[in-house]
Amino acid sequence: MSSRYLGNKIAQALITIFIVLCINFFLFRIMPGDPLSMLMRNPRASQQAIQKAKEFYGLDQSLPVQFGRYLQDLLKLDFGVSFMFKKPVTEVIGGKVGPTLLLLGVSEIMAIVLGIYLGIVAASHRGKIVDIGTISVSLLLYSLPTFLLGMVLILIFSVYWGLFPSTGMVTAAARYATLWRQFLDLLSHLFLPAITLALTLIGEYGMLMRSSLLEVLSEDFIVTARAKGLREREVIRKHGYPNALLPVVTAISINLGLTIAGAIQVETVFSWPGIGRLMYDALNNRDYPLLQGIFLLVCICVIVANLFSDLLYMVLDPRVKS
């Protein structure tokens, strides 16, 4: 890996982050609605109280001055104080990162494993009933809105069958005799949100893996491997599968932003106490500092994931490396 290539990618990432900082500041300030009306929670608040609130949160200054203070505070890792919680934004977000990482991690692992497996099965049985069925299911899952799929699963598994809880992360006011029971309770609450988010990704990863593997299997080196007498299973495992993974690896990292967007819907539908639900509440309450903190965190995660994808693609693909 050349240092020039690495330097260019890091420079592009830094420039993108700066552009995100600018958008992050000005976007929420041109949104309709008055943050002070949400902030005061009192339509009869006196002008003196409103003025004090403006001064405390720096809303009495011009936008360029506010932007300058915003950049200075970011250098000190100070994201401001949440309008809703009256706490530092870092503290509020920090309390919600764990549940979101758990949800995203479990759903991504499920989607990657099952999606790649379905793609390989479909490509190995091209044109047969297994392939047609896999494509149909993948297209259906990929096209379904996340919130609609979540509500359907709640209706089936929670309302009709009563197998899994539909809200929260743990049972409210529950007392657990052992850590194992607490873990099982967490898993039961996690199942529906995780499977909802995973199903929407399985369809995409499955179709992408199928098309990528079929393209690889038509290459000359695959024909050569077959001519050497290798079994079809060995051809796919040794030569087809590793080369077909490259587009999937790229899609997984690029899809991080879309996955987080899906997590917002999932956390809202299932009342999962994570970043997505927090962002929904902050948006409804015009909590600028909290929205900026969440938006910046999500964007940096996406940028870093794309950077990692570019570097990993270079390591895996010798054509890019050369």
Protein backbone atom coordinates (compact mmCIF):
# COMPACT_ATOMS: atom_id res chain seq x y z
CA MET A 1 0.00 0.00 0.00
CA SER A 2 1.63 3.26 -1.14
CA SER A 3 1.91 6.13 1.30
CA ARG A 4 0.67 8.51 -1.42
CA TYR A 5 -2.57 6.57 -1.85
CA LEU A 6 -3.07 6.42 1.90
CA GLY A 7 -2.36 10.14 2.26
CA ASN A 8 -4.84 11.04 -0.48
CA LYS A 9 -7.58 8.98 1.11
CA ILE A 10 -7.00 10.48 4.55
CA ALA A 11 -6.94 14.00 3.07
CA GLN A 12 -10.23 13.36 1.28
CA ALA A 13 -11.74 12.09 4.53
CA LEU A 14 -10.61 15.20 6.44
CA ILE A 15 -12.02 17.53 3.77
CA THR A 16 -15.30 15.64 3.85
CA ILE A 17 -15.43 15.94 7.64
CA PHE A 18 -14.97 19.72 7.41
CA ILE A 19 -17.80 19.98 4.87
CA VAL A 20 -19.94 17.89 7.20
CA LEU A 21 -19.14 20.28 10.05
CA CYS A 22 -20.42 23.21 7.99
CA ILE A 23 -23.58 21.38 6.94
CA ASN A 24 -24.04 20.12 10.49
CA PHE A 25 -24.11 23.66 11.86
CA PHE A 26 -26.20 25.50 9.26
CA LEU A 27 -28.67 22.75 8.30
CA PHE A 28 -30.48 22.60 11.61
CA ARG A 29 -30.63 26.40 11.90
CA ILE A 30 -32.54 26.83 8.66
CA MET A 31 -35.15 24.26 9.70
CA PRO A 32 -38.65 25.63 10.37
CA GLY A 33 -39.62 26.07 13.99
CA ASP A 34 -38.42 28.11 16.93
CA PRO A 35 -36.02 26.29 19.26
CA LEU A 36 -36.67 28.76 22.06
CA SER A 37 -40.37 27.91 22.13
CA MET A 38 -39.39 24.28 22.65
CA LEU A 39 -36.67 25.28 25.07
CA MET A 40 -38.79 27.43 27.34
CA ARG A 41 -41.72 24.97 27.40
CA ASN A 42 -43.82 27.96 28.36
CA PRO A 43 -45.64 30.15 25.81
CA ARG A 44 -46.09 32.83 28.51
CA ALA A 45 -42.40 33.15 29.33
CA SER A 46 -41.26 36.72 29.88
CA GLN A 47 -38.96 38.50 27.45
CA GLN A 48 -36.30 38.61 30.16
CA ALA A 49 -36.38 34.83 30.57
CA ILE A 50 -36.22 34.34 26.80
CA GLN A 51 -33.26 36.71 26.54
CA LYS A 52 -31.39 34.88 29.30
CA ALA A 53 -31.98 31.57 27.51
CA LYS A 54 -30.68 33.08 24.26
CA GLU A 55 -27.53 34.31 25.97
CA PHE A 56 -26.95 31.01 27.79
CA TYR A 57 -27.12 28.95 24.60
CA GLY A 58 -25.46 31.61 22.41
CA LEU A 59 -28.54 32.07 20.22
CA ASP A 60 -28.39 35.86 20.56
CA GLN A 61 -25.25 36.05 18.41
CA SER A 62 -24.97 36.10 14.63
CA LEU A 63 -24.55 32.84 12.72
CA PRO A 64 -20.87 33.45 11.82
CA VAL A 65 -20.06 34.08 15.48
CA GLN A 66 -22.01 31.00 16.53
CA PHE A 67 -20.18 28.94 13.89
CA GLY A 68 -16.80 30.16 15.14
CA ARG A 69 -17.69 29.22 18.71
CA TYR A 70 -18.98 25.89 17.44
CA LEU A 71 -15.62 25.04 15.83
CA GLN A 72 -13.70 26.15 18.92
CA ASP A 73 -15.86 23.98 21.15
CA LEU A 74 -15.41 20.99 18.85
CA LEU A 75 -11.64 21.25 19.20
CA LYS A 76 -12.19 20.85 22.95
CA LEU A 77 -14.66 17.99 22.31
CA ASP A 78 -17.40 20.18 23.73
CA PHE A 79 -20.65 19.59 21.83
CA GLY A 80 -22.71 21.92 23.98
CA VAL A 81 -25.62 21.35 26.33
CA SER A 82 -28.78 19.52 25.29
CA PHE A 83 -31.91 21.69 25.31
CA MET A 84 -34.08 18.76 26.42
CA PHE A 85 -31.93 17.06 29.04
CA LYS A 86 -29.99 20.10 30.30
CA LYS A 87 -26.88 17.89 30.22
CA PRO A 88 -23.73 17.86 28.06
CA VAL A 89 -24.42 16.34 24.66
CA THR A 90 -21.53 13.89 25.02
CA GLU A 91 -23.06 12.55 28.22
CA VAL A 92 -26.51 12.15 26.65
CA ILE A 93 -25.19 10.44 23.52
CA GLY A 94 -22.79 8.27 25.51
CA GLY A 95 -25.69 6.74 27.40
CA LYS A 96 -27.37 5.67 24.14
CA VAL A 97 -24.42 4.37 22.12
CA GLY A 98 -24.36 0.93 23.76
CA PRO A 99 -27.90 -0.16 22.81
CA THR A 100 -27.45 1.07 19.23
CA LEU A 101 -24.10 -0.71 18.81
CA LEU A 102 -25.67 -3.90 20.13
CA LEU A 103 -28.58 -3.63 17.69
CA LEU A 104 -26.39 -2.73 14.71
CA GLY A 105 -23.77 -5.37 15.52
CA VAL A 106 -26.20 -8.26 15.88
CA SER A 107 -28.26 -7.29 12.82
CA GLU A 108 -25.20 -6.73 10.62
CA ILE A 109 -23.67 -10.09 11.57
CA MET A 110 -26.96 -11.85 10.83
CA ALA A 111 -27.36 -10.00 7.52
CA ILE A 112 -23.79 -10.63 6.35
CA VAL A 113 -23.79 -14.35 7.17
CA LEU A 114 -27.27 -15.12 5.82
CA GLY A 115 -27.03 -12.73 2.86
CA ILE A 116 -23.74 -14.15 1.62
CA TYR A 117 -24.98 -17.70 2.14
CA LEU A 118 -28.20 -17.07 0.19
CA GLY A 119 -26.22 -15.39 -2.60
CA ILE A 120 -23.90 -18.38 -2.91
CA VAL A 121 -26.81 -20.85 -2.90
CA ALA A 122 -28.67 -18.86 -5.56
CA ALA A 123 -25.62 -18.54 -7.81
CA SER A 124 -24.81 -22.24 -7.43
CA HIS A 125 -28.34 -23.15 -8.64
CA ARG A 126 -28.73 -20.53 -11.34
CA GLY A 127 -32.07 -20.71 -13.15
CA LYS A 128 -33.48 -23.36 -10.82
CA ILE A 129 -36.34 -23.05 -8.37
CA VAL A 130 -33.92 -22.32 -5.50
CA ASP A 131 -32.43 -19.40 -7.42
CA ILE A 132 -35.83 -18.00 -8.40
CA GLY A 133 -37.16 -18.33 -4.86
CA THR A 134 -34.07 -16.67 -3.37
CA ILE A 135 -34.27 -13.76 -5.80
CA SER A 136 -37.98 -13.28 -5.10
CA VAL A 137 -37.52 -13.28 -1.33
CA SER A 138 -34.48 -10.99 -1.56
CA LEU A 139 -36.34 -8.46 -3.73
CA LEU A 140 -39.32 -8.54 -1.36
CA LEU A 141 -37.16 -7.95 1.72
CA TYR A 142 -35.12 -5.25 0.00
CA SER A 143 -38.21 -3.33 -1.14
CA LEU A 144 -40.15 -3.43 2.13
CA PRO A 145 -39.96 -0.26 4.26
CA THR A 146 -38.21 -0.95 7.55
CA PHE A 147 -40.98 0.46 9.71
CA LEU A 148 -43.63 -1.58 7.87
CA LEU A 149 -41.65 -4.79 8.26
CA GLY A 150 -41.21 -4.03 11.95
CA MET A 151 -44.93 -3.54 12.49
CA VAL A 152 -45.73 -6.76 10.63
CA LEU A 153 -43.30 -8.71 12.83
CA ILE A 154 -44.82 -7.12 15.96
CA LEU A 155 -48.27 -8.15 14.78
CA ILE A 156 -47.21 -11.75 14.16
CA PHE A 157 -44.67 -12.53 16.90
CA SER A 158 -45.90 -10.25 19.68
CA VAL A 159 -49.63 -9.63 19.26
CA TYR A 160 -50.83 -12.92 17.72
CA TRP A 161 -48.31 -15.46 19.02
CA GLY A 162 -47.01 -13.60 22.09
CA LEU A 163 -43.51 -15.02 21.65
CA PHE A 164 -41.43 -11.84 21.97
CA PRO A 165 -41.90 -8.43 23.62
CA SER A 166 -42.41 -5.52 21.25
CA THR A 167 -41.03 -2.56 23.20
CA GLY A 168 -38.03 -1.61 25.27
CA MET A 169 -34.68 -3.26 25.88
CA VAL A 170 -35.53 -5.08 29.12
CA THR A 171 -38.69 -5.81 31.07
CA ALA A 172 -39.69 -2.76 33.11
CA ALA A 173 -39.16 -3.08 36.89
CA ALA A 174 -38.00 -6.69 36.48
CA ARG A 175 -35.90 -8.40 39.14
CA TYR A 176 -33.59 -11.12 37.89
CA ALA A 177 -32.50 -14.06 40.00
CA THR A 178 -29.39 -14.63 37.88
CA LEU A 179 -27.41 -12.86 35.16
CA TRP A 180 -28.45 -15.62 32.78
CA ARG A 181 -32.12 -14.71 33.16
CA GLN A 182 -31.27 -11.06 32.58
CA PHE A 183 -29.35 -12.03 29.45
CA LEU A 184 -32.28 -14.09 28.16
CA ASP A 185 -34.63 -11.18 28.79
CA LEU A 186 -32.32 -8.91 26.79
CA LEU A 187 -32.20 -11.41 23.92
CA SER A 188 -35.98 -11.69 23.83
CA HIS A 189 -36.30 -7.90 23.53
CA LEU A 190 -33.49 -7.74 20.97
CA PHE A 191 -34.86 -10.40 18.63
CA LEU A 192 -37.57 -8.44 16.82
CA PRO A 193 -35.59 -5.19 16.29
CA ALA A 194 -32.48 -7.08 15.17
CA ILE A 195 -34.33 -9.39 12.78
CA THR A 196 -36.25 -6.43 11.32
CA LEU A 197 -33.06 -4.53 10.52
CA ALA A 198 -31.25 -7.66 9.36
CA LEU A 199 -33.98 -8.78 6.94
CA THR A 200 -33.82 -5.52 4.99
CA LEU A 201 -30.06 -6.00 4.59
CA ILE A 202 -30.16 -9.72 3.82
CA GLY A 203 -32.04 -9.06 0.59
CA GLU A 204 -29.47 -6.55 -0.64
CA TYR A 205 -26.41 -8.57 0.35
CA GLY A 206 -27.92 -11.74 -1.11
CA MET A 207 -28.64 -10.20 -4.52
CA LEU A 208 -25.25 -8.49 -4.61
CA MET A 209 -23.39 -11.69 -3.71
CA ARG A 210 -25.32 -13.66 -6.32
CA SER A 211 -24.62 -11.23 -9.17
CA SER A 212 -20.97 -10.83 -8.15
CA LEU A 213 -20.40 -14.58 -7.91
CA LEU A 214 -22.07 -15.23 -11.28
CA GLU A 215 -19.82 -12.61 -12.86
CA VAL A 216 -16.71 -14.17 -11.32
CA LEU A 217 -17.74 -17.68 -12.38
CA SER A 218 -17.73 -16.54 -16.01
CA GLU A 219 -14.08 -15.42 -15.86
CA ASP A 220 -11.30 -17.27 -17.69
CA PHE A 221 -9.47 -18.39 -14.55
CA ILE A 222 -12.64 -20.16 -13.40
CA VAL A 223 -12.82 -22.02 -16.72
CA THR A 224 -9.18 -23.01 -16.24
CA ALA A 225 -9.87 -24.26 -12.72
CA ARG A 226 -12.74 -26.39 -14.00
CA ALA A 227 -10.56 -27.74 -16.81
CA LYS A 228 -8.05 -28.91 -14.19
CA GLY A 229 -10.70 -31.22 -12.81
CA LEU A 230 -11.68 -29.31 -9.68
CA ARG A 231 -15.14 -29.97 -8.37
CA GLU A 232 -17.67 -27.15 -8.70
CA ARG A 233 -17.81 -26.77 -4.93
CA GLU A 234 -14.04 -26.35 -4.75
CA VAL A 235 -14.07 -23.90 -7.66
CA ILE A 236 -16.60 -21.71 -5.85
CA ARG A 237 -14.89 -22.01 -2.47
CA LYS A 238 -11.29 -21.44 -3.58
CA HIS A 239 -11.68 -19.12 -6.57
CA GLY A 240 -15.21 -17.76 -6.86
CA TYR A 241 -16.13 -16.89 -3.29
CA PRO A 242 -13.02 -14.81 -2.36
CA ASN A 243 -13.19 -12.71 -5.54
CA ALA A 244 -16.95 -12.23 -5.34
CA LEU A 245 -16.67 -10.84 -1.81
CA LEU A 246 -15.07 -7.56 -2.90
CA PRO A 247 -18.29 -5.74 -3.94
CA VAL A 248 -20.04 -7.06 -0.83
CA VAL A 249 -17.31 -5.71 1.45
CA THR A 250 -17.63 -2.31 -0.20
CA ALA A 251 -21.43 -2.35 0.06
CA ILE A 252 -21.32 -3.25 3.76
CA SER A 253 -19.19 -0.23 4.65
CA ILE A 254 -21.02 2.16 2.33
CA ASN A 255 -24.36 0.97 3.69
CA LEU A 256 -23.44 2.00 7.22
CA GLY A 257 -25.27 5.30 6.83
CA LEU A 258 -28.38 3.58 5.45
CA THR A 259 -28.18 1.00 8.22
CA ILE A 260 -28.15 3.74 10.85
CA ALA A 261 -31.10 5.39 9.10
CA GLY A 262 -32.92 2.07 9.27
CA ALA A 263 -31.97 1.80 12.94
CA ILE A 264 -33.71 5.12 13.59
CA GLN A 265 -36.96 3.68 12.25
CA VAL A 266 -36.48 0.38 14.07
CA GLU A 267 -35.69 2.04 17.40
CA THR A 268 -38.74 4.27 17.01
CA VAL A 269 -41.08 1.38 16.19
CA PHE A 270 -39.78 -0.84 19.00
CA SER A 271 -39.01 1.97 21.50
CA TRP A 272 -35.40 0.74 21.60
CA PRO A 273 -33.40 3.18 23.79
CA GLY A 274 -30.61 3.98 21.33
CA ILE A 275 -29.21 6.77 19.18
CA GLY A 276 -32.00 6.48 16.61
CA ARG A 277 -34.75 7.00 19.14
CA LEU A 278 -32.76 9.84 20.70
CA MET A 279 -32.39 11.52 17.30
CA TYR A 280 -36.13 11.24 16.70
CA ASP A 281 -36.90 12.91 20.03
CA ALA A 282 -34.26 15.61 19.48
CA LEU A 283 -35.69 16.40 16.04
CA ASN A 284 -39.21 16.80 17.42
CA ASN A 285 -37.93 19.13 20.15
CA ARG A 286 -35.55 21.17 17.92
CA ASP A 287 -32.64 20.28 20.20
CA TYR A 288 -29.89 21.76 18.00
CA PRO A 289 -26.84 20.75 20.08
CA LEU A 290 -28.03 17.17 20.44
CA LEU A 291 -28.97 16.90 16.76
CA GLN A 292 -25.57 18.29 15.75
CA GLY A 293 -23.79 15.82 18.01
CA ILE A 294 -25.71 12.83 16.67
CA PHE A 295 -25.42 13.95 13.04
CA LEU A 296 -21.67 14.51 13.41
CA LEU A 297 -21.17 11.13 15.07
CA VAL A 298 -23.08 9.31 12.34
CA CYS A 299 -21.29 11.15 9.52
CA ILE A 300 -17.84 10.51 10.98
CA CYS A 301 -18.68 6.82 11.35
CA VAL A 302 -19.75 6.67 7.69
CA ILE A 303 -16.64 8.53 6.50
CA VAL A 304 -14.31 6.31 8.53
CA ALA A 305 -16.13 3.21 7.27
CA ASN A 306 -15.73 4.35 3.66
CA LEU A 307 -12.04 5.07 4.26
CA PHE A 308 -11.60 1.62 5.77
CA SER A 309 -13.46 0.14 2.79
CA ASP A 310 -11.13 1.83 0.30
CA LEU A 311 -8.05 0.62 2.14
CA LEU A 312 -9.42 -2.90 2.58
CA TYR A 313 -10.41 -3.04 -1.09
CA MET A 314 -6.85 -2.15 -2.03
CA VAL A 315 -5.48 -4.93 0.16
CA LEU A 316 -7.91 -7.54 -1.17
CA ASP A 317 -7.83 -6.60 -4.86
CA PRO A 318 -4.37 -6.87 -6.48
CA ARG A 319 -5.57 -4.84 -9.48
CA VAL A 320 -6.12 -1.78 -7.28
CA LYS A 321 -2.87 -2.42 -5.42
CA SER A 322 -0.91 -2.26 -8.66
